[in-house]
């Protein structure tokens, strides 16, 4: 009797253990990404399309080296092997906007097994304006809204847009020595943001942008017609004055715009919450316990913003989803 019970338990254990293993009958599709930071974004997106017939494994382009980056993903020997079972997932950078004027841009546009962000990079998605208030709530546990983030980023984008068009024009014409991406970002950075008068930082930026625009329009008067045509073409690609921040260098938008906006806001919200605890505490021990509990619950803004997934409602994200459906032949 004891042996039979032991055998039954062993059988149940083995059956349960086997059920925990991945279903290998499904087709595996390997998705190569540029860096460790990209794994989570693409894992989350591609998981939406997993079912009983397929699953994705997201990884760097090599198991043998630490080599990373778009060129490693696209242009090495892997590029010749891309197909239904092996795809590449990369940041668009400016390559989407260059529309085939470089080898990398052509490859990304023409190869059906390359998925791209359309936004400049994944950082732009984490900075999606409609999710920034939620970032503040998660970082401070305080739901008071101090700044209208979508309105702020819309105004930022509208100010940056005319100079952004020139930046794309210079890239398309390969005149980077005169006006590089680094030069452009220097003009559209934010100084210290005041939570009482956030518009001040935008006004300072606008003055810099206007001066540079005047200089470029004077120096390249012959290109003004091309600039107007480029604006129309960019609209067809989904670039509008109000969403320009999604197409500007991701690290710049994260570090020199959005974080400079969020940090002072979150500092105020945390201070308000701590002052509330101090005001409501009945005695010193309760005060210390509540403050300690609150502070232990907090996460850094830089950590929380990378958990911002509100971008899943954005038009650009839906554009990637459409590409995945086309790749998988989903109607």
C-alpha atoms as a PDB file:
ATOM      1  CA  UNK A   1       0.000   0.000   0.000  1.00  0.00           C
ATOM      2  CA  UNK A   2       2.787   2.370   0.956  1.00  0.00           C
ATOM      3  CA  UNK A   3       4.713   1.665  -2.256  1.00  0.00           C
ATOM      4  CA  UNK A   4       1.613   2.223  -4.405  1.00  0.00           C
ATOM      5  CA  UNK A   5       0.972   5.571  -2.688  1.00  0.00           C
ATOM      6  CA  UNK A   6       4.610   6.556  -3.242  1.00  0.00           C
ATOM      7  CA  UNK A   7       4.390   5.616  -6.925  1.00  0.00           C
ATOM      8  CA  UNK A   8       1.186   7.656  -7.331  1.00  0.00           C
ATOM      9  CA  UNK A   9       2.807  10.665  -5.687  1.00  0.00           C
ATOM     10  CA  UNK A  10       5.856  10.319  -7.954  1.00  0.00           C
ATOM     11  CA  UNK A  11       3.605  10.172 -11.007  1.00  0.00           C
ATOM     12  CA  UNK A  12       1.711  13.273  -9.908  1.00  0.00           C
ATOM     13  CA  UNK A  13       4.998  15.093  -9.256  1.00  0.00           C
ATOM     14  CA  UNK A  14       6.403  14.228 -12.683  1.00  0.00           C
ATOM     15  CA  UNK A  15       3.169  15.255 -14.379  1.00  0.00           C
ATOM     16  CA  UNK A  16       3.131  18.557 -12.543  1.00  0.00           C
ATOM     17  CA  UNK A  17       6.793  19.186 -13.318  1.00  0.00           C
ATOM     18  CA  UNK A  18       6.237  18.524 -16.998  1.00  0.00           C
ATOM     19  CA  UNK A  19       3.320  20.948 -17.077  1.00  0.00           C
ATOM     20  CA  UNK A  20       5.671  23.697 -15.887  1.00  0.00           C
ATOM     21  CA  UNK A  21       7.959  23.319 -18.881  1.00  0.00           C
ATOM     22  CA  UNK A  22       7.460  25.567 -21.950  1.00  0.00           C
ATOM     23  CA  UNK A  23       5.312  24.039 -24.670  1.00  0.00           C
ATOM     24  CA  UNK A  24       7.895  22.998 -27.250  1.00  0.00           C
ATOM     25  CA  UNK A  25       5.277  22.048 -29.802  1.00  0.00           C
ATOM     26  CA  UNK A  26       4.816  25.753 -30.528  1.00  0.00           C
ATOM     27  CA  UNK A  27       6.875  27.432 -33.211  1.00  0.00           C
ATOM     28  CA  UNK A  28       9.682  29.545 -31.769  1.00  0.00           C
ATOM     29  CA  UNK A  29      10.426  32.930 -33.324  1.00  0.00           C
ATOM     30  CA  UNK A  30      13.703  34.507 -32.228  1.00  0.00           C
ATOM     31  CA  UNK A  31      13.605  38.309 -31.950  1.00  0.00           C
ATOM     32  CA  UNK A  32      16.990  40.034 -31.856  1.00  0.00           C
ATOM     33  CA  UNK A  33      17.181  43.425 -30.114  1.00  0.00           C
ATOM     34  CA  UNK A  34      19.886  46.055 -29.769  1.00  0.00           C
ATOM     35  CA  UNK A  35      20.537  46.039 -26.014  1.00  0.00           C
ATOM     36  CA  UNK A  36      19.452  44.670 -22.643  1.00  0.00           C
ATOM     37  CA  UNK A  37      17.245  47.728 -22.106  1.00  0.00           C
ATOM     38  CA  UNK A  38      15.190  46.803 -25.184  1.00  0.00           C
ATOM     39  CA  UNK A  39      14.294  43.268 -24.087  1.00  0.00           C
ATOM     40  CA  UNK A  40      11.385  44.239 -21.822  1.00  0.00           C
ATOM     41  CA  UNK A  41       9.704  46.549 -24.359  1.00  0.00           C
ATOM     42  CA  UNK A  42       9.791  44.048 -27.207  1.00  0.00           C
ATOM     43  CA  UNK A  43       8.967  41.113 -24.910  1.00  0.00           C
ATOM     44  CA  UNK A  44       5.809  42.901 -23.754  1.00  0.00           C
ATOM     45  CA  UNK A  45       4.777  43.827 -27.296  1.00  0.00           C
ATOM     46  CA  UNK A  46       5.422  40.448 -28.896  1.00  0.00           C
ATOM     47  CA  UNK A  47       3.782  38.554 -26.019  1.00  0.00           C
ATOM     48  CA  UNK A  48       0.469  39.989 -27.195  1.00  0.00           C
ATOM     49  CA  UNK A  49       0.763  37.777 -30.280  1.00  0.00           C
ATOM     50  CA  UNK A  50       1.758  34.499 -28.639  1.00  0.00           C
ATOM     51  CA  UNK A  51      -0.725  31.636 -28.772  1.00  0.00           C
ATOM     52  CA  UNK A  52      -0.834  27.843 -28.947  1.00  0.00           C
ATOM     53  CA  UNK A  53       1.023  27.885 -32.275  1.00  0.00           C
ATOM     54  CA  UNK A  54       3.928  30.290 -31.632  1.00  0.00           C
ATOM     55  CA  UNK A  55       6.022  32.027 -29.020  1.00  0.00           C
ATOM     56  CA  UNK A  56       8.877  34.535 -29.113  1.00  0.00           C
ATOM     57  CA  UNK A  57      12.305  34.480 -27.546  1.00  0.00           C
ATOM     58  CA  UNK A  58      13.810  37.955 -27.283  1.00  0.00           C
ATOM     59  CA  UNK A  59      17.603  38.150 -27.091  1.00  0.00           C
ATOM     60  CA  UNK A  60      20.747  40.033 -28.054  1.00  0.00           C
ATOM     61  CA  UNK A  61      22.209  39.151 -31.480  1.00  0.00           C
ATOM     62  CA  UNK A  62      24.960  36.916 -30.096  1.00  0.00           C
ATOM     63  CA  UNK A  63      25.235  34.377 -27.302  1.00  0.00           C
ATOM     64  CA  UNK A  64      29.019  34.363 -27.636  1.00  0.00           C
ATOM     65  CA  UNK A  65      29.915  38.065 -27.411  1.00  0.00           C
ATOM     66  CA  UNK A  66      28.648  41.261 -25.803  1.00  0.00           C
ATOM     67  CA  UNK A  67      28.388  43.028 -29.158  1.00  0.00           C
ATOM     68  CA  UNK A  68      25.248  45.165 -29.316  1.00  0.00           C
ATOM     69  CA  UNK A  69      23.616  47.853 -31.438  1.00  0.00           C
ATOM     70  CA  UNK A  70      21.525  48.273 -34.564  1.00  0.00           C
ATOM     71  CA  UNK A  71      24.312  47.498 -37.032  1.00  0.00           C
ATOM     72  CA  UNK A  72      25.121  44.272 -35.222  1.00  0.00           C
ATOM     73  CA  UNK A  73      21.464  43.246 -35.404  1.00  0.00           C
ATOM     74  CA  UNK A  74      20.888  44.250 -39.030  1.00  0.00           C
ATOM     75  CA  UNK A  75      24.118  44.237 -40.970  1.00  0.00           C
ATOM     76  CA  UNK A  76      26.109  41.217 -39.797  1.00  0.00           C
ATOM     77  CA  UNK A  77      25.564  37.638 -40.899  1.00  0.00           C
ATOM     78  CA  UNK A  78      22.272  37.540 -39.006  1.00  0.00           C
ATOM     79  CA  UNK A  79      20.833  40.049 -41.431  1.00  0.00           C
ATOM     80  CA  UNK A  80      21.034  37.453 -44.187  1.00  0.00           C
ATOM     81  CA  UNK A  81      19.203  34.905 -42.043  1.00  0.00           C
ATOM     82  CA  UNK A  82      16.178  36.958 -41.061  1.00  0.00           C
ATOM     83  CA  UNK A  83      12.930  35.255 -41.925  1.00  0.00           C
ATOM     84  CA  UNK A  84       9.743  33.817 -40.463  1.00  0.00           C
ATOM     85  CA  UNK A  85      11.647  32.250 -37.563  1.00  0.00           C
ATOM     86  CA  UNK A  86      14.169  35.043 -36.931  1.00  0.00           C
ATOM     87  CA  UNK A  87      13.316  38.740 -36.820  1.00  0.00           C
ATOM     88  CA  UNK A  88      15.066  41.969 -35.829  1.00  0.00           C
ATOM     89  CA  UNK A  89      13.532  44.604 -33.520  1.00  0.00           C
ATOM     90  CA  UNK A  90      15.309  47.965 -33.580  1.00  0.00           C
ATOM     91  CA  UNK A  91      14.997  51.632 -32.716  1.00  0.00           C
ATOM     92  CA  UNK A  92      14.075  53.774 -35.701  1.00  0.00           C
ATOM     93  CA  UNK A  93      16.415  56.651 -34.813  1.00  0.00           C
ATOM     94  CA  UNK A  94      16.268  58.929 -37.894  1.00  0.00           C
ATOM     95  CA  UNK A  95      16.326  55.970 -40.287  1.00  0.00           C
ATOM     96  CA  UNK A  96      12.527  55.871 -40.566  1.00  0.00           C
ATOM     97  CA  UNK A  97      12.450  59.566 -41.478  1.00  0.00           C
ATOM     98  CA  UNK A  98      15.328  59.220 -43.956  1.00  0.00           C
ATOM     99  CA  UNK A  99      13.059  57.017 -46.082  1.00  0.00           C
ATOM    100  CA  UNK A 100      15.687  54.915 -47.794  1.00  0.00           C
ATOM    101  CA  UNK A 101      18.443  57.493 -48.229  1.00  0.00           C
ATOM    102  CA  UNK A 102      20.984  55.287 -46.441  1.00  0.00           C
ATOM    103  CA  UNK A 103      21.701  51.564 -46.615  1.00  0.00           C
ATOM    104  CA  UNK A 104      20.368  50.981 -43.103  1.00  0.00           C
ATOM    105  CA  UNK A 105      17.207  52.971 -43.780  1.00  0.00           C
ATOM    106  CA  UNK A 106      16.529  51.054 -47.006  1.00  0.00           C
ATOM    107  CA  UNK A 107      17.046  47.709 -45.309  1.00  0.00           C
ATOM    108  CA  UNK A 108      14.684  48.611 -42.452  1.00  0.00           C
ATOM    109  CA  UNK A 109      11.980  49.757 -44.855  1.00  0.00           C
ATOM    110  CA  UNK A 110      12.282  46.905 -47.340  1.00  0.00           C
ATOM    111  CA  UNK A 111      12.885  43.867 -45.124  1.00  0.00           C
ATOM    112  CA  UNK A 112       9.551  42.451 -43.891  1.00  0.00           C
ATOM    113  CA  UNK A 113      11.304  40.768 -40.962  1.00  0.00           C
ATOM    114  CA  UNK A 114      12.506  44.003 -39.339  1.00  0.00           C
ATOM    115  CA  UNK A 115      10.282  45.650 -36.756  1.00  0.00           C
ATOM    116  CA  UNK A 116      11.058  49.246 -35.794  1.00  0.00           C
ATOM    117  CA  UNK A 117       9.835  51.630 -33.108  1.00  0.00           C
ATOM    118  CA  UNK A 118       8.822  54.472 -35.491  1.00  0.00           C
ATOM    119  CA  UNK A 119       9.441  56.773 -32.528  1.00  0.00           C
ATOM    120  CA  UNK A 120      13.137  57.635 -32.306  1.00  0.00           C
ATOM    121  CA  UNK A 121      13.723  55.034 -29.583  1.00  0.00           C
ATOM    122  CA  UNK A 122      12.073  53.140 -26.739  1.00  0.00           C
ATOM    123  CA  UNK A 123      12.886  56.013 -24.341  1.00  0.00           C
ATOM    124  CA  UNK A 124      10.400  58.175 -26.246  1.00  0.00           C
ATOM    125  CA  UNK A 125       7.653  55.690 -25.461  1.00  0.00           C
ATOM    126  CA  UNK A 126       8.499  55.759 -21.765  1.00  0.00           C
ATOM    127  CA  UNK A 127       8.203  59.558 -21.986  1.00  0.00           C
ATOM    128  CA  UNK A 128       4.741  59.364 -23.555  1.00  0.00           C
ATOM    129  CA  UNK A 129       3.042  62.456 -22.160  1.00  0.00           C
ATOM    130  CA  UNK A 130      -0.318  60.863 -21.320  1.00  0.00           C
ATOM    131  CA  UNK A 131       1.417  58.580 -18.812  1.00  0.00           C
ATOM    132  CA  UNK A 132       3.630  61.098 -17.007  1.00  0.00           C
ATOM    133  CA  UNK A 133       1.112  61.975 -14.297  1.00  0.00           C
ATOM    134  CA  UNK A 134       0.840  58.288 -13.449  1.00  0.00           C
ATOM    135  CA  UNK A 135       4.635  58.169 -13.205  1.00  0.00           C
ATOM    136  CA  UNK A 136       4.473  60.935 -10.605  1.00  0.00           C
ATOM    137  CA  UNK A 137       1.761  59.100  -8.674  1.00  0.00           C
ATOM    138  CA  UNK A 138       3.783  55.889  -8.612  1.00  0.00           C
ATOM    139  CA  UNK A 139       6.934  57.748  -7.518  1.00  0.00           C
ATOM    140  CA  UNK A 140       5.279  59.850  -4.782  1.00  0.00           C
ATOM    141  CA  UNK A 141       1.987  58.122  -3.858  1.00  0.00           C
ATOM    142  CA  UNK A 142       0.411  61.537  -4.283  1.00  0.00           C
ATOM    143  CA  UNK A 143      -2.272  61.990  -6.961  1.00  0.00           C
ATOM    144  CA  UNK A 144      -2.360  65.797  -7.062  1.00  0.00           C
ATOM    145  CA  UNK A 145      -1.739  67.164 -10.559  1.00  0.00           C
ATOM    146  CA  UNK A 146       0.644  70.120 -10.624  1.00  0.00           C
ATOM    147  CA  UNK A 147       1.389  70.373 -14.355  1.00  0.00           C
ATOM    148  CA  UNK A 148      -0.642  69.330 -17.378  1.00  0.00           C
ATOM    149  CA  UNK A 149       2.029  67.105 -18.905  1.00  0.00           C
ATOM    150  CA  UNK A 150       0.319  66.437 -22.282  1.00  0.00           C
ATOM    151  CA  UNK A 151      -0.205  70.193 -22.754  1.00  0.00           C
ATOM    152  CA  UNK A 152       3.408  70.916 -21.755  1.00  0.00           C
ATOM    153  CA  UNK A 153       4.882  68.317 -24.134  1.00  0.00           C
ATOM    154  CA  UNK A 154       2.574  69.494 -26.930  1.00  0.00           C
ATOM    155  CA  UNK A 155       3.852  73.052 -26.540  1.00  0.00           C
ATOM    156  CA  UNK A 156       7.452  71.807 -26.284  1.00  0.00           C
ATOM    157  CA  UNK A 157       6.952  69.867 -29.521  1.00  0.00           C
ATOM    158  CA  UNK A 158       5.415  72.799 -31.362  1.00  0.00           C
ATOM    159  CA  UNK A 159       8.377  74.995 -30.422  1.00  0.00           C
ATOM    160  CA  UNK A 160      10.927  72.344 -31.446  1.00  0.00           C
ATOM    161  CA  UNK A 161       9.138  71.294 -34.649  1.00  0.00           C
ATOM    162  CA  UNK A 162      10.455  73.910 -37.149  1.00  0.00           C
ATOM    163  CA  UNK A 163      14.047  73.283 -36.105  1.00  0.00           C
ATOM    164  CA  UNK A 164      13.442  69.524 -36.075  1.00  0.00           C
ATOM    165  CA  UNK A 165      12.416  69.681 -39.744  1.00  0.00           C
ATOM    166  CA  UNK A 166      15.708  71.396 -40.530  1.00  0.00           C
ATOM    167  CA  UNK A 167      17.562  68.693 -38.592  1.00  0.00           C
ATOM    168  CA  UNK A 168      15.961  65.977 -40.733  1.00  0.00           C
ATOM    169  CA  UNK A 169      16.740  68.003 -43.862  1.00  0.00           C
ATOM    170  CA  UNK A 170      20.424  68.199 -42.924  1.00  0.00           C
ATOM    171  CA  UNK A 171      20.498  64.449 -42.292  1.00  0.00           C
ATOM    172  CA  UNK A 172      18.838  63.685 -45.601  1.00  0.00           C
ATOM    173  CA  UNK A 173      21.352  65.861 -47.406  1.00  0.00           C
ATOM    174  CA  UNK A 174      24.296  64.583 -45.335  1.00  0.00           C
ATOM    175  CA  UNK A 175      25.359  68.041 -44.133  1.00  0.00           C
ATOM    176  CA  UNK A 176      25.907  66.922 -40.554  1.00  0.00           C
ATOM    177  CA  UNK A 177      29.086  68.948 -40.059  1.00  0.00           C
ATOM    178  CA  UNK A 178      26.996  72.135 -40.156  1.00  0.00           C
ATOM    179  CA  UNK A 179      24.058  71.038 -38.007  1.00  0.00           C
ATOM    180  CA  UNK A 180      24.415  67.680 -36.273  1.00  0.00           C
ATOM    181  CA  UNK A 181      21.952  65.862 -34.060  1.00  0.00           C
ATOM    182  CA  UNK A 182      23.989  66.998 -31.044  1.00  0.00           C
ATOM    183  CA  UNK A 183      23.705  70.615 -32.233  1.00  0.00           C
ATOM    184  CA  UNK A 184      19.949  70.295 -32.617  1.00  0.00           C
ATOM    185  CA  UNK A 185      19.502  68.789 -29.155  1.00  0.00           C
ATOM    186  CA  UNK A 186      21.447  71.664 -27.608  1.00  0.00           C
ATOM    187  CA  UNK A 187      18.812  74.101 -28.894  1.00  0.00           C
ATOM    188  CA  UNK A 188      15.801  72.101 -27.679  1.00  0.00           C
ATOM    189  CA  UNK A 189      16.933  71.238 -24.175  1.00  0.00           C
ATOM    190  CA  UNK A 190      15.152  72.620 -21.124  1.00  0.00           C
ATOM    191  CA  UNK A 191      16.778  74.659 -18.403  1.00  0.00           C
ATOM    192  CA  UNK A 192      15.600  74.238 -14.815  1.00  0.00           C
ATOM    193  CA  UNK A 193      11.802  73.940 -14.804  1.00  0.00           C
ATOM    194  CA  UNK A 194       9.740  75.983 -12.347  1.00  0.00           C
ATOM    195  CA  UNK A 195       6.629  74.179 -11.148  1.00  0.00           C
ATOM    196  CA  UNK A 196       4.902  77.524 -10.590  1.00  0.00           C
ATOM    197  CA  UNK A 197       5.780  78.876 -14.024  1.00  0.00           C
ATOM    198  CA  UNK A 198       6.702  75.889 -16.243  1.00  0.00           C
ATOM    199  CA  UNK A 199       6.124  78.036 -19.316  1.00  0.00           C
ATOM    200  CA  UNK A 200       9.266  80.040 -18.506  1.00  0.00           C
ATOM    201  CA  UNK A 201      11.599  77.194 -19.495  1.00  0.00           C
ATOM    202  CA  UNK A 202       9.715  76.865 -22.783  1.00  0.00           C
ATOM    203  CA  UNK A 203      10.011  80.583 -23.449  1.00  0.00           C
ATOM    204  CA  UNK A 204      13.787  80.415 -22.958  1.00  0.00           C
ATOM    205  CA  UNK A 205      14.008  77.470 -25.345  1.00  0.00           C
ATOM    206  CA  UNK A 206      11.804  79.235 -27.897  1.00  0.00           C
ATOM    207  CA  UNK A 207      14.178  82.219 -28.038  1.00  0.00           C
ATOM    208  CA  UNK A 208      17.124  79.902 -28.796  1.00  0.00           C
ATOM    209  CA  UNK A 209      15.158  78.073 -31.467  1.00  0.00           C
ATOM    210  CA  UNK A 210      13.997  81.277 -33.163  1.00  0.00           C
ATOM    211  CA  UNK A 211      17.544  82.639 -33.374  1.00  0.00           C
ATOM    212  CA  UNK A 212      18.798  79.429 -34.955  1.00  0.00           C
ATOM    213  CA  UNK A 213      15.860  79.260 -37.357  1.00  0.00           C
ATOM    214  CA  UNK A 214      16.529  82.793 -38.516  1.00  0.00           C
ATOM    215  CA  UNK A 215      20.174  81.919 -39.133  1.00  0.00           C
ATOM    216  CA  UNK A 216      19.362  78.732 -41.085  1.00  0.00           C
ATOM    217  CA  UNK A 217      16.657  80.398 -43.175  1.00  0.00           C
ATOM    218  CA  UNK A 218      19.078  83.157 -44.109  1.00  0.00           C
ATOM    219  CA  UNK A 219      22.005  80.836 -44.868  1.00  0.00           C
ATOM    220  CA  UNK A 220      19.922  78.273 -46.787  1.00  0.00           C
ATOM    221  CA  UNK A 221      17.241  80.450 -48.367  1.00  0.00           C
ATOM    222  CA  UNK A 222      17.366  78.196 -51.434  1.00  0.00           C
ATOM    223  CA  UNK A 223      16.093  75.279 -49.327  1.00  0.00           C
ATOM    224  CA  UNK A 224      12.927  76.919 -47.957  1.00  0.00           C
ATOM    225  CA  UNK A 225      10.784  75.242 -50.605  1.00  0.00           C
ATOM    226  CA  UNK A 226      12.300  71.859 -49.740  1.00  0.00           C
ATOM    227  CA  UNK A 227      11.609  72.473 -46.057  1.00  0.00           C
ATOM    228  CA  UNK A 228       7.911  73.082 -46.751  1.00  0.00           C
ATOM    229  CA  UNK A 229       7.737  69.938 -48.887  1.00  0.00           C
ATOM    230  CA  UNK A 230       9.489  67.974 -46.144  1.00  0.00           C
ATOM    231  CA  UNK A 231       6.881  69.097 -43.618  1.00  0.00           C
ATOM    232  CA  UNK A 232       4.156  67.582 -45.793  1.00  0.00           C
ATOM    233  CA  UNK A 233       6.103  64.362 -46.217  1.00  0.00           C
ATOM    234  CA  UNK A 234       6.714  64.113 -42.459  1.00  0.00           C
ATOM    235  CA  UNK A 235       2.983  64.448 -41.836  1.00  0.00           C
ATOM    236  CA  UNK A 236       2.441  61.396 -44.013  1.00  0.00           C
ATOM    237  CA  UNK A 237       4.930  59.568 -41.762  1.00  0.00           C
ATOM    238  CA  UNK A 238       3.017  60.584 -38.643  1.00  0.00           C
ATOM    239  CA  UNK A 239       5.181  63.530 -37.560  1.00  0.00           C
ATOM    240  CA  UNK A 240       3.163  66.585 -36.536  1.00  0.00           C
ATOM    241  CA  UNK A 241       4.075  69.755 -34.647  1.00  0.00           C
ATOM    242  CA  UNK A 242       2.284  68.477 -31.529  1.00  0.00           C
ATOM    243  CA  UNK A 243       4.034  65.083 -31.296  1.00  0.00           C
ATOM    244  CA  UNK A 244       7.577  66.003 -32.372  1.00  0.00           C
ATOM    245  CA  UNK A 245       9.043  64.895 -29.038  1.00  0.00           C
ATOM    246  CA  UNK A 246       8.389  61.274 -30.021  1.00  0.00           C
ATOM    247  CA  UNK A 247      10.868  61.599 -32.924  1.00  0.00           C
ATOM    248  CA  UNK A 248      13.651  63.538 -31.182  1.00  0.00           C
ATOM    249  CA  UNK A 249      16.619  61.583 -29.780  1.00  0.00           C
ATOM    250  CA  UNK A 250      15.278  59.429 -26.956  1.00  0.00           C
ATOM    251  CA  UNK A 251      18.074  60.001 -24.433  1.00  0.00           C
ATOM    252  CA  UNK A 252      17.739  63.739 -24.933  1.00  0.00           C
ATOM    253  CA  UNK A 253      13.972  63.714 -24.349  1.00  0.00           C
ATOM    254  CA  UNK A 254      14.378  61.529 -21.268  1.00  0.00           C
ATOM    255  CA  UNK A 255      17.343  63.305 -19.634  1.00  0.00           C
ATOM    256  CA  UNK A 256      17.099  66.915 -20.797  1.00  0.00           C
ATOM    257  CA  UNK A 257      13.344  67.404 -21.045  1.00  0.00           C
ATOM    258  CA  UNK A 258      11.073  64.953 -19.218  1.00  0.00           C
ATOM    259  CA  UNK A 259      13.261  64.218 -16.176  1.00  0.00           C
ATOM    260  CA  UNK A 260      13.917  67.950 -15.738  1.00  0.00           C
ATOM    261  CA  UNK A 261      10.158  68.330 -15.663  1.00  0.00           C
ATOM    262  CA  UNK A 262       9.312  65.376 -13.417  1.00  0.00           C
ATOM    263  CA  UNK A 263      11.964  65.739 -10.719  1.00  0.00           C
ATOM    264  CA  UNK A 264      10.832  69.119  -9.331  1.00  0.00           C
ATOM    265  CA  UNK A 265       7.179  68.015  -9.531  1.00  0.00           C
ATOM    266  CA  UNK A 266       7.888  64.798  -7.628  1.00  0.00           C
ATOM    267  CA  UNK A 267       9.953  66.656  -5.046  1.00  0.00           C
ATOM    268  CA  UNK A 268       6.960  68.876  -4.248  1.00  0.00           C
ATOM    269  CA  UNK A 269       4.516  65.954  -4.171  1.00  0.00           C
ATOM    270  CA  UNK A 270       6.703  63.987  -1.761  1.00  0.00           C
ATOM    271  CA  UNK A 271       7.149  66.992   0.476  1.00  0.00           C
ATOM    272  CA  UNK A 272       3.385  67.503   0.561  1.00  0.00           C
ATOM    273  CA  UNK A 273       2.797  63.900   1.583  1.00  0.00           C
ATOM    274  CA  UNK A 274       5.436  64.081   4.333  1.00  0.00           C
ATOM    275  CA  UNK A 275       3.966  67.344   5.641  1.00  0.00           C
ATOM    276  CA  UNK A 276       0.536  65.712   5.721  1.00  0.00           C
ATOM    277  CA  UNK A 277       1.914  62.834   7.790  1.00  0.00           C
ATOM    278  CA  UNK A 278       3.553  65.277  10.190  1.00  0.00           C
ATOM    279  CA  UNK A 279       0.321  67.227  10.541  1.00  0.00           C
ATOM    280  CA  UNK A 280      -1.875  64.207  11.199  1.00  0.00           C
ATOM    281  CA  UNK A 281       0.433  62.176  13.436  1.00  0.00           C
ATOM    282  CA  UNK A 282      -0.864  61.941  17.015  1.00  0.00           C
ATOM    283  CA  UNK A 283       2.534  61.360  18.632  1.00  0.00           C
ATOM    284  CA  UNK A 284       6.221  61.059  17.805  1.00  0.00           C
ATOM    285  CA  UNK A 285       6.256  57.281  17.449  1.00  0.00           C
ATOM    286  CA  UNK A 286       3.357  57.319  14.975  1.00  0.00           C
ATOM    287  CA  UNK A 287       5.090  60.083  13.052  1.00  0.00           C
ATOM    288  CA  UNK A 288       8.325  58.142  12.707  1.00  0.00           C
ATOM    289  CA  UNK A 289       6.527  54.909  11.812  1.00  0.00           C
ATOM    290  CA  UNK A 290       4.397  56.567   9.138  1.00  0.00           C
ATOM    291  CA  UNK A 291       7.302  58.506   7.653  1.00  0.00           C
ATOM    292  CA  UNK A 292       9.457  55.390   7.542  1.00  0.00           C
ATOM    293  CA  UNK A 293       6.666  53.372   5.941  1.00  0.00           C
ATOM    294  CA  UNK A 294       6.041  56.075   3.344  1.00  0.00           C
ATOM    295  CA  UNK A 295       9.699  56.533   2.445  1.00  0.00           C
ATOM    296  CA  UNK A 296      10.217  52.785   2.106  1.00  0.00           C
ATOM    297  CA  UNK A 297       7.328  52.654  -0.353  1.00  0.00           C
ATOM    298  CA  UNK A 298       8.867  55.207  -2.687  1.00  0.00           C
ATOM    299  CA  UNK A 299      10.643  54.403  -5.944  1.00  0.00           C
ATOM    300  CA  UNK A 300      13.028  56.623  -7.866  1.00  0.00           C
ATOM    301  CA  UNK A 301      11.476  58.591 -10.721  1.00  0.00           C
ATOM    302  CA  UNK A 302      14.134  57.198 -13.068  1.00  0.00           C
ATOM    303  CA  UNK A 303      12.998  53.679 -12.164  1.00  0.00           C
ATOM    304  CA  UNK A 304       9.266  54.359 -12.362  1.00  0.00           C
ATOM    305  CA  UNK A 305       9.350  56.105 -15.734  1.00  0.00           C
ATOM    306  CA  UNK A 306      10.731  52.944 -17.343  1.00  0.00           C
ATOM    307  CA  UNK A 307       7.622  51.162 -16.076  1.00  0.00           C
ATOM    308  CA  UNK A 308       5.360  53.659 -17.842  1.00  0.00           C
ATOM    309  CA  UNK A 309       3.334  51.587 -20.311  1.00  0.00           C
ATOM    310  CA  UNK A 310       0.656  54.135 -21.210  1.00  0.00           C
ATOM    311  CA  UNK A 311       2.360  54.344 -24.606  1.00  0.00           C
ATOM    312  CA  UNK A 312       0.387  51.250 -25.580  1.00  0.00           C
ATOM    313  CA  UNK A 313      -2.455  53.612 -26.425  1.00  0.00           C
ATOM    314  CA  UNK A 314      -0.287  55.718 -28.728  1.00  0.00           C
ATOM    315  CA  UNK A 315      -0.711  55.740 -32.536  1.00  0.00           C
ATOM    316  CA  UNK A 316       2.955  54.829 -33.066  1.00  0.00           C
ATOM    317  CA  UNK A 317       2.697  51.740 -30.856  1.00  0.00           C
ATOM    318  CA  UNK A 318      -0.404  50.650 -32.743  1.00  0.00           C
ATOM    319  CA  UNK A 319       1.630  51.046 -35.933  1.00  0.00           C
ATOM    320  CA  UNK A 320       4.147  48.483 -34.631  1.00  0.00           C
ATOM    321  CA  UNK A 321       1.308  46.142 -33.678  1.00  0.00           C
ATOM    322  CA  UNK A 322       0.007  46.401 -37.228  1.00  0.00           C
ATOM    323  CA  UNK A 323       3.458  45.423 -38.543  1.00  0.00           C
ATOM    324  CA  UNK A 324       3.538  42.356 -36.278  1.00  0.00           C
ATOM    325  CA  UNK A 325       0.124  41.275 -37.549  1.00  0.00           C
ATOM    326  CA  UNK A 326       1.362  41.644 -41.129  1.00  0.00           C
ATOM    327  CA  UNK A 327       4.496  39.646 -40.286  1.00  0.00           C
ATOM    328  CA  UNK A 328       2.431  36.856 -38.729  1.00  0.00           C
ATOM    329  CA  UNK A 329      -0.239  37.076 -41.442  1.00  0.00           C
ATOM    330  CA  UNK A 330      -2.962  37.891 -38.912  1.00  0.00           C
ATOM    331  CA  UNK A 331      -6.014  39.472 -40.509  1.00  0.00           C
END
